[in-house]
Amino acid sequence: MSEEEKVKLKILEEFKKQTEGKWVPELIDKTVKDVTSLEVSSYSASATIESLIIRHSFQVSITGYDERFDGLTWGWATPGIGTSIGLVLTKDLDNLLSDTTTFWFYGTPSYLGLYFYSDDNFLGSFQGASLSLVGGTGHGSGQWH
């Protein structure tokens, strides 16, 4: 197993741990299935995070697209700011850009993952190498505009 695969597995395990008992099992299972699907397209992207321990703001930009994601979460994370370079992964980019209302994040000093939803529908994710000391997890709302 490659180092990247190990990191993704750790992120998915943390995702399941953080959402267990809070989300319906079907949504958790569908997210894990979609994240590991080979039927997704990838888009180069960058993200920024600003963390104030329990309140966090995120921005995600896809290279070559005008739309930008802005989101706010509550959760626990170390304070600070940072950036991440990675990929947006989705089966349907138009749906991701128009329908995202909520998201979940998990970050470490070396990795950042954001999972985008519309109600109980998983729409896609951002997976990237983190250039930050911000680590933590949280859930909140946001949209692409």
N, C-alpha and C. Protein backbone atom coordinates (compact mmCIF):
# COMPACT_ATOMS: atom_id res chain seq x y z
N MET A 1 0.85 -1.17 0.00
CA MET A 1 0.00 0.00 0.00
C MET A 1 0.90 1.24 0.00
N SER A 2 0.61 2.17 -0.90
CA SER A 2 1.41 3.39 -1.00
C SER A 2 1.13 4.31 0.19
N GLU A 3 2.01 5.28 0.39
CA GLU A 3 1.83 6.24 1.48
C GLU A 3 0.53 7.03 1.29
N GLU A 4 0.23 7.40 0.03
CA GLU A 4 -1.00 8.14 -0.26
C GLU A 4 -2.23 7.31 0.09
N GLU A 5 -2.21 6.03 -0.25
CA GLU A 5 -3.33 5.15 0.08
C GLU A 5 -3.49 5.00 1.59
N LYS A 6 -2.37 4.93 2.32
CA LYS A 6 -2.43 4.84 3.78
C LYS A 6 -3.07 6.09 4.37
N VAL A 7 -2.71 7.25 3.84
CA VAL A 7 -3.29 8.51 4.33
C VAL A 7 -4.78 8.55 4.06
N LYS A 8 -5.19 8.17 2.84
CA LYS A 8 -6.62 8.17 2.50
C LYS A 8 -7.39 7.21 3.40
N LEU A 9 -6.81 6.04 3.67
CA LEU A 9 -7.46 5.08 4.56
C LEU A 9 -7.61 5.66 5.96
N LYS A 10 -6.58 6.33 6.46
CA LYS A 10 -6.65 6.96 7.78
C LYS A 10 -7.73 8.03 7.82
N ILE A 11 -7.83 8.83 6.75
CA ILE A 11 -8.84 9.88 6.67
C ILE A 11 -10.24 9.26 6.69
N LEU A 12 -10.45 8.21 5.90
CA LEU A 12 -11.76 7.56 5.87
C LEU A 12 -12.10 6.94 7.22
N GLU A 13 -11.12 6.35 7.89
CA GLU A 13 -11.36 5.80 9.22
C GLU A 13 -11.75 6.91 10.20
N GLU A 14 -11.06 8.04 10.13
CA GLU A 14 -11.38 9.18 11.00
C GLU A 14 -12.77 9.73 10.67
N PHE A 15 -13.09 9.80 9.37
CA PHE A 15 -14.41 10.26 8.94
C PHE A 15 -15.49 9.37 9.56
N LYS A 16 -15.33 8.06 9.45
CA LYS A 16 -16.33 7.14 10.00
C LYS A 16 -16.43 7.29 11.52
N LYS A 17 -15.30 7.45 12.19
CA LYS A 17 -15.29 7.62 13.64
C LYS A 17 -16.01 8.90 14.06
N GLN A 18 -15.75 10.00 13.36
CA GLN A 18 -16.33 11.29 13.72
C GLN A 18 -17.82 11.39 13.39
N THR A 19 -18.29 10.65 12.40
CA THR A 19 -19.70 10.76 12.00
C THR A 19 -20.58 9.65 12.58
N GLU A 20 -19.96 8.60 13.12
CA GLU A 20 -20.74 7.49 13.68
C GLU A 20 -21.62 7.99 14.82
N GLY A 21 -22.89 7.63 14.75
CA GLY A 21 -23.86 8.04 15.76
C GLY A 21 -24.44 9.43 15.53
N LYS A 22 -23.82 10.19 14.63
CA LYS A 22 -24.32 11.53 14.31
C LYS A 22 -25.02 11.55 12.97
N TRP A 23 -24.58 10.70 12.06
CA TRP A 23 -25.17 10.61 10.73
C TRP A 23 -25.75 9.21 10.56
N VAL A 24 -26.71 9.08 9.65
CA VAL A 24 -27.28 7.76 9.39
C VAL A 24 -26.21 6.89 8.74
N PRO A 25 -26.16 5.60 9.10
CA PRO A 25 -25.12 4.71 8.56
C PRO A 25 -25.09 4.67 7.03
N GLU A 26 -26.26 4.79 6.39
CA GLU A 26 -26.30 4.74 4.93
C GLU A 26 -25.52 5.89 4.30
N LEU A 27 -25.59 7.09 4.90
CA LEU A 27 -24.85 8.24 4.38
C LEU A 27 -23.35 8.05 4.56
N ILE A 28 -22.95 7.53 5.70
CA ILE A 28 -21.53 7.26 5.94
C ILE A 28 -21.02 6.25 4.92
N ASP A 29 -21.75 5.14 4.75
CA ASP A 29 -21.34 4.10 3.80
C ASP A 29 -21.28 4.62 2.38
N LYS A 30 -22.28 5.42 1.98
CA LYS A 30 -22.30 5.97 0.62
C LYS A 30 -21.12 6.90 0.39
N THR A 31 -20.78 7.71 1.39
CA THR A 31 -19.64 8.62 1.26
C THR A 31 -18.35 7.82 1.05
N VAL A 32 -18.14 6.81 1.89
CA VAL A 32 -16.92 5.99 1.76
C VAL A 32 -16.88 5.32 0.39
N LYS A 33 -18.01 4.79 -0.06
CA LYS A 33 -18.06 4.13 -1.38
C LYS A 33 -17.73 5.13 -2.49
N ASP A 34 -18.33 6.32 -2.43
CA ASP A 34 -18.09 7.32 -3.48
C ASP A 34 -16.67 7.86 -3.46
N VAL A 35 -16.10 8.05 -2.28
CA VAL A 35 -14.73 8.55 -2.18
C VAL A 35 -13.75 7.55 -2.79
N THR A 36 -14.01 6.28 -2.63
CA THR A 36 -13.10 5.25 -3.14
C THR A 36 -13.46 4.78 -4.55
N SER A 37 -14.48 5.37 -5.16
CA SER A 37 -14.92 4.99 -6.50
C SER A 37 -13.87 5.36 -7.55
N LEU A 38 -13.79 4.55 -8.58
CA LEU A 38 -12.91 4.83 -9.71
C LEU A 38 -13.63 5.64 -10.78
N GLU A 39 -14.90 5.98 -10.55
CA GLU A 39 -15.72 6.67 -11.55
C GLU A 39 -15.73 8.18 -11.35
N VAL A 40 -14.75 8.73 -10.67
CA VAL A 40 -14.72 10.16 -10.42
C VAL A 40 -13.72 10.86 -11.33
N SER A 41 -13.99 12.13 -11.57
CA SER A 41 -13.05 12.98 -12.30
C SER A 41 -12.30 13.82 -11.28
N SER A 42 -11.06 14.19 -11.62
CA SER A 42 -10.27 15.00 -10.70
C SER A 42 -9.91 16.33 -11.34
N TYR A 43 -9.87 17.36 -10.50
CA TYR A 43 -9.58 18.73 -10.94
C TYR A 43 -8.54 19.32 -9.98
N SER A 44 -7.48 19.89 -10.54
CA SER A 44 -6.48 20.56 -9.70
C SER A 44 -7.14 21.68 -8.91
N ALA A 45 -6.76 21.80 -7.64
CA ALA A 45 -7.40 22.79 -6.78
C ALA A 45 -6.47 23.21 -5.66
N SER A 46 -6.84 24.30 -5.02
CA SER A 46 -6.12 24.76 -3.83
C SER A 46 -7.14 25.15 -2.77
N ALA A 47 -6.71 25.09 -1.52
CA ALA A 47 -7.60 25.44 -0.41
C ALA A 47 -6.84 26.28 0.61
N THR A 48 -7.58 27.11 1.31
CA THR A 48 -7.03 27.85 2.45
C THR A 48 -7.91 27.59 3.66
N ILE A 49 -7.29 27.62 4.83
CA ILE A 49 -8.02 27.43 6.08
C ILE A 49 -7.55 28.48 7.08
N GLU A 50 -8.51 29.01 7.83
CA GLU A 50 -8.23 29.88 8.97
C GLU A 50 -8.96 29.27 10.16
N SER A 51 -8.22 28.93 11.19
CA SER A 51 -8.79 28.25 12.35
C SER A 51 -8.66 29.10 13.60
N LEU A 52 -9.77 29.24 14.31
CA LEU A 52 -9.80 29.93 15.60
C LEU A 52 -10.21 28.95 16.69
N ILE A 53 -9.64 27.78 16.70
CA ILE A 53 -9.84 26.68 17.64
C ILE A 53 -11.18 25.98 17.45
N ILE A 54 -12.32 26.68 17.58
CA ILE A 54 -13.62 26.02 17.41
C ILE A 54 -14.38 26.51 16.19
N ARG A 55 -13.91 27.55 15.55
CA ARG A 55 -14.57 28.11 14.36
C ARG A 55 -13.52 28.19 13.25
N HIS A 56 -13.88 27.68 12.06
CA HIS A 56 -12.91 27.59 10.97
C HIS A 56 -13.54 28.07 9.67
N SER A 57 -12.76 28.76 8.87
CA SER A 57 -13.25 29.16 7.55
C SER A 57 -12.36 28.52 6.48
N PHE A 58 -13.01 28.14 5.38
CA PHE A 58 -12.33 27.46 4.27
C PHE A 58 -12.67 28.15 2.96
N GLN A 59 -11.73 28.13 2.05
CA GLN A 59 -11.96 28.52 0.67
C GLN A 59 -11.29 27.47 -0.20
N VAL A 60 -11.99 27.04 -1.25
CA VAL A 60 -11.43 26.09 -2.21
C VAL A 60 -11.63 26.67 -3.60
N SER A 61 -10.58 26.67 -4.39
CA SER A 61 -10.63 27.15 -5.77
C SER A 61 -10.15 26.05 -6.70
N ILE A 62 -10.90 25.83 -7.78
CA ILE A 62 -10.52 24.84 -8.79
C ILE A 62 -9.78 25.57 -9.90
N THR A 63 -8.61 25.08 -10.25
CA THR A 63 -7.79 25.70 -11.29
C THR A 63 -8.57 25.76 -12.61
N GLY A 64 -8.65 26.96 -13.19
CA GLY A 64 -9.32 27.14 -14.47
C GLY A 64 -10.81 27.40 -14.39
N TYR A 65 -11.36 27.47 -13.18
CA TYR A 65 -12.80 27.73 -12.99
C TYR A 65 -12.96 29.00 -12.16
N ASP A 66 -14.03 29.72 -12.42
CA ASP A 66 -14.29 30.96 -11.69
C ASP A 66 -14.90 30.73 -10.31
N GLU A 67 -15.61 29.62 -10.13
CA GLU A 67 -16.31 29.36 -8.88
C GLU A 67 -15.32 29.10 -7.75
N ARG A 68 -15.71 29.54 -6.55
CA ARG A 68 -14.90 29.32 -5.35
C ARG A 68 -15.83 28.85 -4.24
N PHE A 69 -15.39 27.90 -3.45
CA PHE A 69 -16.15 27.43 -2.30
C PHE A 69 -15.76 28.25 -1.08
N ASP A 70 -16.77 28.73 -0.36
CA ASP A 70 -16.57 29.40 0.93
C ASP A 70 -17.39 28.66 1.97
N GLY A 71 -16.75 28.26 3.06
CA GLY A 71 -17.47 27.53 4.08
C GLY A 71 -16.98 27.85 5.48
N LEU A 72 -17.88 27.66 6.45
CA LEU A 72 -17.58 27.85 7.87
C LEU A 72 -17.95 26.59 8.63
N THR A 73 -17.10 26.17 9.56
CA THR A 73 -17.40 24.99 10.37
C THR A 73 -17.22 25.29 11.84
N TRP A 74 -17.85 24.45 12.64
CA TRP A 74 -17.61 24.36 14.07
C TRP A 74 -16.93 23.03 14.30
N GLY A 75 -16.04 22.97 15.24
CA GLY A 75 -15.33 21.75 15.57
C GLY A 75 -14.06 22.10 16.31
N TRP A 76 -13.22 21.13 16.55
CA TRP A 76 -11.97 21.36 17.27
C TRP A 76 -10.80 21.28 16.32
N ALA A 77 -9.95 22.30 16.37
CA ALA A 77 -8.72 22.31 15.57
C ALA A 77 -7.73 23.25 16.21
N THR A 78 -6.47 23.03 15.91
CA THR A 78 -5.45 23.95 16.40
C THR A 78 -5.61 25.29 15.70
N PRO A 79 -5.29 26.38 16.36
CA PRO A 79 -5.44 27.69 15.72
C PRO A 79 -4.35 27.93 14.68
N GLY A 80 -4.68 28.70 13.67
CA GLY A 80 -3.69 29.06 12.67
C GLY A 80 -4.30 29.24 11.30
N ILE A 81 -3.42 29.45 10.33
CA ILE A 81 -3.84 29.56 8.93
C ILE A 81 -2.98 28.62 8.11
N GLY A 82 -3.48 28.26 6.94
CA GLY A 82 -2.70 27.38 6.10
C GLY A 82 -3.29 27.25 4.72
N THR A 83 -2.56 26.55 3.88
CA THR A 83 -3.00 26.30 2.51
C THR A 83 -2.83 24.82 2.20
N SER A 84 -3.45 24.40 1.13
CA SER A 84 -3.34 23.03 0.68
C SER A 84 -3.45 23.01 -0.84
N ILE A 85 -2.66 22.19 -1.46
CA ILE A 85 -2.71 21.98 -2.90
C ILE A 85 -3.13 20.53 -3.12
N GLY A 86 -4.14 20.32 -3.98
CA GLY A 86 -4.60 18.96 -4.18
C GLY A 86 -5.58 18.85 -5.33
N LEU A 87 -6.58 18.00 -5.13
CA LEU A 87 -7.57 17.70 -6.17
C LEU A 87 -8.98 17.78 -5.61
N VAL A 88 -9.90 18.28 -6.43
CA VAL A 88 -11.32 18.11 -6.18
C VAL A 88 -11.73 16.87 -6.96
N LEU A 89 -12.39 15.94 -6.28
CA LEU A 89 -12.83 14.69 -6.88
C LEU A 89 -14.35 14.64 -6.86
N THR A 90 -14.96 14.38 -8.02
CA THR A 90 -16.42 14.35 -8.08
C THR A 90 -16.87 13.56 -9.31
N LYS A 91 -18.06 12.99 -9.22
CA LYS A 91 -18.68 12.34 -10.38
C LYS A 91 -19.37 13.35 -11.27
N ASP A 92 -19.77 14.52 -10.71
CA ASP A 92 -20.53 15.51 -11.46
C ASP A 92 -20.15 16.91 -10.98
N LEU A 93 -19.25 17.57 -11.69
CA LEU A 93 -18.76 18.89 -11.27
C LEU A 93 -19.88 19.92 -11.23
N ASP A 94 -20.77 19.92 -12.23
CA ASP A 94 -21.87 20.90 -12.23
C ASP A 94 -22.74 20.75 -10.98
N ASN A 95 -23.05 19.52 -10.62
CA ASN A 95 -23.85 19.25 -9.42
C ASN A 95 -23.12 19.71 -8.16
N LEU A 96 -21.83 19.42 -8.08
CA LEU A 96 -21.04 19.86 -6.93
C LEU A 96 -21.09 21.38 -6.79
N LEU A 97 -20.87 22.09 -7.89
CA LEU A 97 -20.81 23.55 -7.85
C LEU A 97 -22.16 24.20 -7.55
N SER A 98 -23.26 23.57 -7.97
CA SER A 98 -24.57 24.20 -7.79
C SER A 98 -25.30 23.75 -6.52
N ASP A 99 -25.02 22.56 -6.01
CA ASP A 99 -25.85 21.99 -4.95
C ASP A 99 -25.21 21.89 -3.57
N THR A 100 -23.92 22.15 -3.43
CA THR A 100 -23.26 22.01 -2.13
C THR A 100 -23.87 22.96 -1.10
N THR A 101 -24.23 22.39 0.06
CA THR A 101 -24.76 23.20 1.17
C THR A 101 -24.02 22.96 2.47
N THR A 102 -23.46 21.76 2.64
CA THR A 102 -22.74 21.43 3.86
C THR A 102 -21.44 20.71 3.51
N PHE A 103 -20.54 20.64 4.49
CA PHE A 103 -19.30 19.90 4.29
C PHE A 103 -18.72 19.47 5.63
N TRP A 104 -17.81 18.53 5.57
CA TRP A 104 -17.10 17.99 6.72
C TRP A 104 -15.62 18.08 6.40
N PHE A 105 -14.78 18.39 7.39
CA PHE A 105 -13.34 18.43 7.12
C PHE A 105 -12.57 17.66 8.16
N TYR A 106 -11.42 17.17 7.73
CA TYR A 106 -10.45 16.56 8.62
C TYR A 106 -9.08 17.01 8.16
N GLY A 107 -8.30 17.58 9.06
CA GLY A 107 -6.98 18.06 8.68
C GLY A 107 -5.91 17.64 9.65
N THR A 108 -4.73 17.41 9.11
CA THR A 108 -3.53 17.17 9.90
C THR A 108 -2.47 18.14 9.37
N PRO A 109 -1.34 18.24 10.03
CA PRO A 109 -0.30 19.11 9.47
C PRO A 109 0.18 18.70 8.08
N SER A 110 -0.13 17.47 7.65
CA SER A 110 0.33 17.04 6.33
C SER A 110 -0.79 16.76 5.33
N TYR A 111 -2.06 16.78 5.76
CA TYR A 111 -3.15 16.39 4.87
C TYR A 111 -4.42 17.17 5.22
N LEU A 112 -5.20 17.52 4.18
CA LEU A 112 -6.50 18.17 4.38
C LEU A 112 -7.53 17.49 3.48
N GLY A 113 -8.63 17.08 4.07
CA GLY A 113 -9.74 16.50 3.32
C GLY A 113 -11.03 17.23 3.63
N LEU A 114 -11.77 17.62 2.59
CA LEU A 114 -13.09 18.22 2.74
C LEU A 114 -14.07 17.37 1.95
N TYR A 115 -15.25 17.11 2.52
CA TYR A 115 -16.27 16.28 1.89
C TYR A 115 -17.53 17.12 1.74
N PHE A 116 -18.01 17.27 0.50
CA PHE A 116 -19.10 18.19 0.19
C PHE A 116 -20.43 17.44 0.03
N TYR A 117 -21.52 18.04 0.56
CA TYR A 117 -22.84 17.40 0.56
C TYR A 117 -23.93 18.40 0.18
N SER A 118 -25.05 17.84 -0.28
CA SER A 118 -26.31 18.54 -0.41
C SER A 118 -27.32 17.68 0.33
N ASP A 119 -27.80 18.17 1.45
CA ASP A 119 -28.66 17.37 2.32
C ASP A 119 -27.91 16.07 2.65
N ASP A 120 -28.45 14.94 2.28
CA ASP A 120 -27.79 13.67 2.56
C ASP A 120 -27.11 13.07 1.33
N ASN A 121 -26.80 13.89 0.35
CA ASN A 121 -26.16 13.40 -0.87
C ASN A 121 -24.70 13.84 -0.93
N PHE A 122 -23.79 12.86 -0.99
CA PHE A 122 -22.38 13.16 -1.14
C PHE A 122 -22.13 13.63 -2.57
N LEU A 123 -21.45 14.78 -2.72
CA LEU A 123 -21.24 15.37 -4.04
C LEU A 123 -19.79 15.30 -4.51
N GLY A 124 -18.85 15.26 -3.60
CA GLY A 124 -17.45 15.23 -3.99
C GLY A 124 -16.57 15.60 -2.82
N SER A 125 -15.25 15.68 -3.09
CA SER A 125 -14.32 15.98 -2.01
C SER A 125 -13.13 16.77 -2.53
N PHE A 126 -12.43 17.39 -1.60
CA PHE A 126 -11.12 17.98 -1.86
C PHE A 126 -10.13 17.16 -1.05
N GLN A 127 -9.06 16.70 -1.68
CA GLN A 127 -8.01 15.94 -1.02
C GLN A 127 -6.69 16.62 -1.33
N GLY A 128 -5.95 17.01 -0.31
CA GLY A 128 -4.71 17.72 -0.61
C GLY A 128 -3.64 17.60 0.46
N ALA A 129 -2.43 17.90 0.04
CA ALA A 129 -1.30 17.99 0.96
C ALA A 129 -1.40 19.33 1.68
N SER A 130 -1.31 19.29 2.98
CA SER A 130 -1.49 20.50 3.77
C SER A 130 -0.15 21.20 4.01
N LEU A 131 -0.17 22.50 3.91
CA LEU A 131 0.99 23.33 4.23
C LEU A 131 0.58 24.19 5.42
N SER A 132 0.39 23.52 6.56
CA SER A 132 -0.23 24.19 7.70
C SER A 132 0.06 23.42 8.97
N LEU A 133 -0.07 24.07 10.09
CA LEU A 133 -0.01 23.39 11.38
C LEU A 133 -1.40 23.16 11.94
N VAL A 134 -2.43 23.50 11.17
CA VAL A 134 -3.81 23.32 11.61
C VAL A 134 -4.19 21.85 11.49
N GLY A 135 -4.64 21.28 12.58
CA GLY A 135 -5.12 19.91 12.59
C GLY A 135 -6.42 19.85 13.37
N GLY A 136 -7.39 19.07 12.88
CA GLY A 136 -8.65 18.93 13.59
C GLY A 136 -9.74 18.44 12.68
N THR A 137 -10.98 18.57 13.16
CA THR A 137 -12.13 18.09 12.41
C THR A 137 -13.34 18.98 12.71
N GLY A 138 -14.27 19.03 11.77
CA GLY A 138 -15.48 19.82 11.98
C GLY A 138 -16.47 19.65 10.85
N HIS A 139 -17.65 20.20 11.05
CA HIS A 139 -18.75 20.10 10.09
C HIS A 139 -19.42 21.46 10.02
N GLY A 140 -19.81 21.88 8.82
CA GLY A 140 -20.46 23.18 8.70
C GLY A 140 -21.14 23.37 7.37
N SER A 141 -21.39 24.63 7.04
CA SER A 141 -22.11 24.95 5.81
C SER A 141 -21.22 25.77 4.88
N GLY A 142 -21.58 25.72 3.60
CA GLY A 142 -20.83 26.50 2.62
C GLY A 142 -21.42 26.29 1.24
N GLN A 143 -20.93 27.09 0.30
CA GLN A 143 -21.41 26.97 -1.07
C GLN A 143 -20.35 27.46 -2.04
N TRP A 144 -20.52 27.06 -3.29
CA TRP A 144 -19.68 27.53 -4.38
C TRP A 144 -20.37 28.73 -5.00
N HIS A 145 -19.62 29.75 -5.33
CA HIS A 145 -20.19 30.92 -5.99
C HIS A 145 -19.16 31.55 -6.90
